[in-house]
Amino acid sequence: MNDNLIDIASRWWANLGGAAASLTRIVLIVLAAWLLVKLLHRAVRTLRERIASRLDDREATKRAQTLDQVFRYLIAVVVSLVAGMLVLAEVGVSVAPILGAAGVVGLAVGFGAQSLVKDYFTGFFLLLENQIRQGDVVKIGDHAGLVEEVTLRYVQLRDYDGNVHYVPNGTINTVINMTRDFSNAVMDIRVAFRENVEDVMGVMRDVAEQLRGDPAFAPLILAEMEIAGVDNWADSGVVIRCRFRTQPLEQWGIKREYLRRLKAAFDAKGIQIPVPHLMVYAGQDREGRAPAFAWRQLGSEG
């Protein structure tokens, strides 16, 4: 009888000791996971602060903060999953069936939410590669406007009319950034066929120098105006292409001001800006004489 009691007590103590050891290991696993997450979060935050301290660009600092949040979230998820599997193994739960079921569920969720996953992956690389920044003017597919916000999920654009476009990152195939580092104000100047092209180019250069000498516009123009030359023979005149290199976002203002001044200079020099017109030829009469050409400006009466 005494031997049976001693045997039962020893078994109970052994089981209690095993449970205590397992509980101790579970506590250690949880503490180790918590400490690892804290240390990795601190390392990521320290790295982000060092990078941000070397950046003068507010948007680059914001992008670093966004990436910091992404990495911290991934660290927490991965460490928590590993710690959870170790805890389940300690309490005697087989992890293999759970992993198999999780794989099936993850596959089903992946098929159902593949567009959402694509949005996040594309958004991550948009931020990592710094393709789009807040304040840029970009064209994404059929949408164009000022970038107001860039997230892992979408890019928010506001066009000139004030309309807001939300473009999911997963649909972005090509990004045209019109304000990265510098911009070009490209203009096609059209003059009548009768005008001397060299004289016209001289007037264009004079107006460009006057614009660059204006204190209000000089800081916005980065280089002298470039004249590519005669770019095309249009139906009603000669097209001369030129461009200014400007600060980002300033190309449209420089273009408008230059065209305004150039119109005044053309008027002062008597240089004709062509208008659509029509030349009518009536043919010859029986004596071989041809009537005079009749000129009519399109849109005029009579």
Protein backbone atom coordinates (compact mmCIF):
# COMPACT_ATOMS: atom_id res chain seq x y z
CA MET A 1 0.00 0.00 0.00
CA ASN A 2 2.74 2.37 0.99
CA ASP A 3 4.65 1.43 -2.12
CA ASN A 4 1.63 2.32 -4.30
CA LEU A 5 1.25 5.69 -2.63
CA ILE A 6 4.91 6.41 -3.07
CA ASP A 7 4.73 5.41 -6.74
CA ILE A 8 1.68 7.65 -7.36
CA ALA A 9 3.34 10.56 -5.58
CA SER A 10 6.51 10.17 -7.55
CA ARG A 11 4.60 10.08 -10.82
CA TRP A 12 2.59 13.14 -9.81
CA TRP A 13 5.76 14.98 -8.89
CA ALA A 14 7.39 13.98 -12.13
CA ASN A 15 4.39 15.20 -14.11
CA LEU A 16 4.32 18.39 -12.10
CA GLY A 17 8.00 18.88 -12.72
CA GLY A 18 7.51 18.31 -16.44
CA ALA A 19 4.62 20.78 -16.56
CA ALA A 20 6.64 23.32 -14.60
CA ALA A 21 9.57 22.89 -16.96
CA SER A 22 7.28 23.25 -19.99
CA LEU A 23 5.66 26.34 -18.49
CA THR A 24 9.08 27.78 -17.78
CA ARG A 25 10.15 27.20 -21.38
CA ILE A 26 6.93 28.84 -22.67
CA VAL A 27 7.55 31.90 -20.51
CA LEU A 28 11.14 32.06 -21.74
CA ILE A 29 10.00 31.77 -25.36
CA VAL A 30 7.50 34.61 -24.93
CA LEU A 31 10.03 36.79 -23.14
CA ALA A 32 12.70 36.07 -25.75
CA ALA A 33 10.28 36.92 -28.57
CA TRP A 34 9.23 40.14 -26.84
CA LEU A 35 12.85 41.17 -26.27
CA LEU A 36 13.79 40.29 -29.86
CA VAL A 37 10.94 42.40 -31.26
CA LYS A 38 11.92 45.33 -29.04
CA LEU A 39 15.58 45.10 -30.03
CA LEU A 40 14.84 44.83 -33.74
CA HIS A 41 12.32 47.68 -33.57
CA ARG A 42 14.88 49.85 -31.81
CA ALA A 43 17.52 48.95 -34.41
CA VAL A 44 15.16 49.86 -37.28
CA ARG A 45 14.13 53.09 -35.56
CA THR A 46 17.77 54.05 -34.93
CA LEU A 47 18.65 53.38 -38.55
CA ARG A 48 15.69 55.45 -39.72
CA GLU A 49 16.63 58.37 -37.44
CA ARG A 50 20.21 58.34 -38.71
CA ILE A 51 19.04 58.33 -42.32
CA ALA A 52 16.46 61.06 -41.66
CA SER A 53 19.08 63.24 -39.93
CA ARG A 54 21.10 63.27 -43.16
CA LEU A 55 18.13 64.19 -45.33
CA ASP A 56 16.96 67.75 -45.87
CA ASP A 57 13.98 66.66 -47.96
CA ARG A 58 10.78 66.48 -45.88
CA GLU A 59 9.24 64.01 -48.30
CA ALA A 60 12.26 61.70 -48.10
CA THR A 61 11.98 61.79 -44.31
CA LYS A 62 8.30 60.88 -44.56
CA ARG A 63 9.13 58.03 -46.93
CA ALA A 64 11.71 56.72 -44.45
CA GLN A 65 9.07 56.79 -41.70
CA THR A 66 6.65 54.83 -43.86
CA LEU A 67 9.27 52.18 -44.62
CA ASP A 68 10.14 52.09 -40.91
CA GLN A 69 6.53 51.23 -40.07
CA VAL A 70 6.48 48.51 -42.73
CA PHE A 71 9.67 46.84 -41.48
CA ARG A 72 8.57 47.02 -37.85
CA TYR A 73 5.25 45.40 -38.73
CA LEU A 74 6.97 42.60 -40.66
CA ILE A 75 9.37 41.96 -37.76
CA ALA A 76 6.50 41.71 -35.28
CA VAL A 77 4.54 39.31 -37.51
CA VAL A 78 7.48 36.99 -38.27
CA VAL A 79 8.74 36.79 -34.67
CA SER A 80 5.20 36.27 -33.33
CA LEU A 81 4.57 33.41 -35.76
CA VAL A 82 7.80 31.64 -34.84
CA ALA A 83 7.18 32.11 -31.12
CA GLY A 84 3.60 30.85 -31.49
CA MET A 85 4.74 27.66 -33.21
CA LEU A 86 7.34 27.02 -30.48
CA VAL A 87 4.71 27.50 -27.77
CA LEU A 88 2.33 25.09 -29.48
CA ALA A 89 5.10 22.52 -29.72
CA GLU A 90 5.72 22.86 -25.96
CA VAL A 91 2.08 22.19 -25.06
CA GLY A 92 2.07 19.09 -27.23
CA VAL A 93 0.14 20.44 -30.24
CA SER A 94 1.45 19.15 -33.55
CA VAL A 95 2.47 22.08 -35.73
CA ALA A 96 2.51 20.19 -39.05
CA PRO A 97 -1.29 19.98 -39.52
CA ILE A 98 -1.63 23.63 -38.55
CA LEU A 99 0.99 24.63 -41.09
CA GLY A 100 -0.78 22.56 -43.75
CA ALA A 101 -4.15 24.12 -42.98
CA ALA A 102 -2.56 27.58 -42.87
CA GLY A 103 -1.02 26.94 -46.26
CA VAL A 104 -4.40 26.04 -47.76
CA VAL A 105 -6.10 29.03 -46.14
CA GLY A 106 -3.28 31.33 -47.21
CA LEU A 107 -3.56 30.05 -50.78
CA ALA A 108 -7.30 30.70 -50.82
CA VAL A 109 -6.86 34.17 -49.33
CA GLY A 110 -4.07 34.86 -51.79
CA PHE A 111 -6.30 34.09 -54.75
CA GLY A 112 -9.14 36.14 -53.30
CA ALA A 113 -7.06 39.15 -52.35
CA GLN A 114 -4.29 39.01 -54.94
CA SER A 115 -5.07 42.54 -56.15
CA LEU A 116 -4.71 43.85 -52.59
CA VAL A 117 -1.42 41.99 -52.12
CA LYS A 118 -0.20 43.36 -55.45
CA ASP A 119 -1.11 46.88 -54.33
CA TYR A 120 1.00 46.54 -51.19
CA PHE A 121 3.99 44.99 -52.93
CA THR A 122 3.97 47.62 -55.68
CA GLY A 123 3.51 50.41 -53.12
CA PHE A 124 6.45 49.10 -51.11
CA PHE A 125 8.78 49.30 -54.11
CA LEU A 126 7.39 52.70 -55.16
CA LEU A 127 8.43 54.01 -51.75
CA LEU A 128 11.68 52.08 -51.61
CA GLU A 129 12.83 53.21 -55.07
CA ASN A 130 11.54 56.78 -54.56
CA GLN A 131 9.73 56.81 -57.89
CA ILE A 132 6.95 59.12 -56.68
CA ARG A 133 7.14 61.77 -53.98
CA GLN A 134 4.56 64.01 -52.45
CA GLY A 135 4.48 67.29 -54.39
CA ASP A 136 5.52 65.77 -57.74
CA VAL A 137 3.41 66.19 -60.86
CA VAL A 138 3.07 62.79 -62.49
CA LYS A 139 1.10 60.94 -65.12
CA ILE A 140 -0.01 57.42 -64.25
CA GLY A 141 -1.90 55.78 -67.10
CA ASP A 142 -4.85 58.03 -67.93
CA HIS A 143 -4.50 60.02 -64.70
CA ALA A 144 -2.28 63.06 -64.20
CA GLY A 145 -1.95 65.61 -61.43
CA LEU A 146 -0.16 66.72 -58.30
CA VAL A 147 0.78 63.91 -55.90
CA GLU A 148 -0.89 64.62 -52.57
CA GLU A 149 -0.23 61.30 -50.83
CA VAL A 150 1.67 58.06 -51.45
CA THR A 151 0.78 55.00 -49.38
CA LEU A 152 1.32 51.26 -49.67
CA ARG A 153 -2.23 50.97 -51.01
CA TYR A 154 -2.70 53.85 -53.47
CA VAL A 155 -1.40 57.12 -54.92
CA GLN A 156 -3.61 60.19 -54.50
CA LEU A 157 -3.50 62.75 -57.34
CA ARG A 158 -5.26 66.10 -57.75
CA ASP A 159 -5.62 67.42 -61.29
CA TYR A 160 -5.80 71.04 -62.48
CA ASP A 161 -9.59 71.07 -62.20
CA GLY A 162 -9.35 70.07 -58.54
CA ASN A 163 -10.53 66.49 -59.07
CA VAL A 164 -8.91 63.88 -56.81
CA HIS A 165 -7.81 60.58 -58.35
CA TYR A 166 -7.04 57.49 -56.26
CA VAL A 167 -4.84 55.13 -58.27
CA PRO A 168 -4.31 51.63 -56.75
CA ASN A 169 -0.63 50.78 -56.76
CA GLY A 170 -1.29 47.37 -58.32
CA THR A 171 -2.56 49.02 -61.52
CA ILE A 172 0.54 51.17 -62.00
CA ASN A 173 2.67 49.99 -64.91
CA THR A 174 4.39 53.22 -65.97
CA VAL A 175 5.02 56.44 -64.09
CA ILE A 176 5.86 59.68 -65.92
CA ASN A 177 7.33 62.12 -63.39
CA MET A 178 7.35 65.65 -64.82
CA THR A 179 9.02 67.38 -61.87
CA ARG A 180 11.99 65.26 -60.81
CA ASP A 181 15.18 67.32 -60.22
CA PHE A 182 14.32 69.81 -63.00
CA SER A 183 11.69 70.49 -65.67
CA ASN A 184 11.65 71.71 -69.25
CA ALA A 185 9.30 74.33 -70.62
CA VAL A 186 9.01 73.21 -74.25
CA MET A 187 7.38 75.62 -76.72
CA ASP A 188 6.55 75.46 -80.43
CA ILE A 189 6.64 78.99 -81.84
CA ARG A 190 4.73 79.36 -85.12
CA VAL A 191 5.41 82.20 -87.57
CA ALA A 192 4.31 82.92 -91.13
CA PHE A 193 6.21 81.44 -94.08
CA ARG A 194 7.17 84.93 -95.24
CA GLU A 195 9.20 85.67 -92.09
CA ASN A 196 12.97 85.34 -91.94
CA VAL A 197 13.69 82.47 -89.57
CA GLU A 198 17.02 83.88 -88.39
CA ASP A 199 15.42 87.22 -87.50
CA VAL A 200 12.65 85.41 -85.61
CA MET A 201 15.20 83.37 -83.64
CA GLY A 202 17.04 86.57 -82.77
CA VAL A 203 13.89 88.09 -81.32
CA MET A 204 13.23 84.86 -79.39
CA ARG A 205 16.72 84.99 -77.84
CA ASP A 206 16.32 88.67 -76.91
CA VAL A 207 13.04 88.01 -75.13
CA ALA A 208 14.58 85.00 -73.36
CA GLU A 209 17.46 87.14 -72.06
CA GLN A 210 15.01 89.77 -70.82
CA LEU A 211 13.05 87.08 -69.00
CA ARG A 212 16.20 85.67 -67.39
CA GLY A 213 17.17 89.16 -66.31
CA ASP A 214 13.91 89.68 -64.45
CA PRO A 215 14.55 89.15 -60.69
CA ALA A 216 11.14 87.53 -60.32
CA PHE A 217 11.92 84.79 -62.85
CA ALA A 218 15.72 84.50 -62.83
CA PRO A 219 15.88 82.02 -59.86
CA LEU A 220 13.36 79.78 -61.61
CA ILE A 221 15.37 79.38 -64.85
CA LEU A 222 18.39 77.06 -64.64
CA ALA A 223 20.00 77.62 -68.06
CA GLU A 224 19.84 79.64 -71.24
CA MET A 225 17.03 79.00 -73.64
CA GLU A 226 17.79 76.29 -76.19
CA ILE A 227 16.47 76.70 -79.74
CA ALA A 228 16.28 73.37 -81.54
CA GLY A 229 15.49 75.07 -84.86
CA VAL A 230 12.75 74.67 -87.44
CA ASP A 231 10.84 71.64 -86.20
CA ASN A 232 8.05 71.48 -88.75
CA TRP A 233 6.33 73.10 -91.73
CA ALA A 234 2.73 73.42 -90.66
CA ASP A 235 -0.24 74.18 -92.91
CA SER A 236 -0.09 77.90 -92.18
CA GLY A 237 3.45 78.60 -90.97
CA VAL A 238 6.87 77.51 -89.78
CA VAL A 239 7.22 75.89 -86.34
CA ILE A 240 10.35 76.72 -84.32
CA ARG A 241 10.90 74.61 -81.20
CA CYS A 242 12.65 75.90 -78.09
CA ARG A 243 12.83 75.14 -74.38
CA PHE A 244 13.84 76.48 -70.97
CA ARG A 245 15.27 74.32 -68.19
CA THR A 246 13.49 75.35 -65.01
CA GLN A 247 13.06 74.46 -61.39
CA PRO A 248 10.58 71.62 -60.80
CA LEU A 249 6.94 72.70 -61.13
CA GLU A 250 7.92 76.05 -62.68
CA GLN A 251 7.86 75.11 -66.36
CA TRP A 252 4.24 76.12 -66.91
CA GLY A 253 4.62 79.56 -65.36
CA ILE A 254 7.81 80.26 -67.32
CA LYS A 255 6.13 79.12 -70.54
CA ARG A 256 3.14 81.41 -70.06
CA GLU A 257 5.27 84.44 -69.22
CA TYR A 258 7.65 83.86 -72.14
CA LEU A 259 4.80 83.49 -74.63
CA ARG A 260 3.19 86.68 -73.31
CA ARG A 261 6.40 88.66 -73.78
CA LEU A 262 7.14 87.08 -77.14
CA LYS A 263 3.71 88.06 -78.48
CA ALA A 264 4.39 91.67 -77.55
CA ALA A 265 7.84 91.52 -79.19
CA PHE A 266 6.42 90.01 -82.39
CA ASP A 267 3.80 92.77 -82.55
CA ALA A 268 6.47 95.43 -82.08
CA LYS A 269 8.68 93.90 -84.82
CA GLY A 270 5.81 93.29 -87.22
CA ILE A 271 6.38 89.52 -87.21
CA GLN A 272 3.23 87.78 -88.32
CA ILE A 273 1.79 84.95 -86.27
CA PRO A 274 -0.08 82.86 -88.87
CA VAL A 275 -3.81 82.26 -88.79
CA PRO A 276 -5.63 79.47 -90.67
CA HIS A 277 -6.43 80.62 -94.21
CA LEU A 278 -7.51 79.18 -97.55
CA MET A 279 -6.11 79.80 -101.06
CA VAL A 280 -8.65 79.18 -103.86
CA TYR A 281 -7.53 78.69 -107.48
CA ALA A 282 -10.30 78.83 -110.08
CA GLY A 283 -8.35 77.46 -113.05
CA GLN A 284 -7.89 78.99 -116.58
CA ASP A 285 -10.34 80.38 -119.08
CA ARG A 286 -10.38 79.56 -122.88
CA GLU A 287 -7.71 82.11 -123.66
CA GLY A 288 -5.38 80.55 -121.06
CA ARG A 289 -5.77 83.39 -118.63
CA ALA A 290 -6.11 82.60 -114.93
CA PRO A 291 -8.06 84.80 -112.53
CA ALA A 292 -6.36 86.21 -109.49
CA PHE A 293 -6.01 84.14 -106.36
CA ALA A 294 -8.73 84.64 -103.81
CA TRP A 295 -7.58 84.67 -100.19
CA ARG A 296 -9.99 84.06 -97.38
CA GLN A 297 -9.29 83.77 -93.72
CA LEU A 298 -11.11 80.86 -92.16
CA GLY A 299 -13.97 82.03 -89.98
CA SER A 300 -14.33 85.43 -91.75
CA GLU A 301 -17.52 86.65 -93.43
CA GLY A 302 -17.97 87.21 -97.18
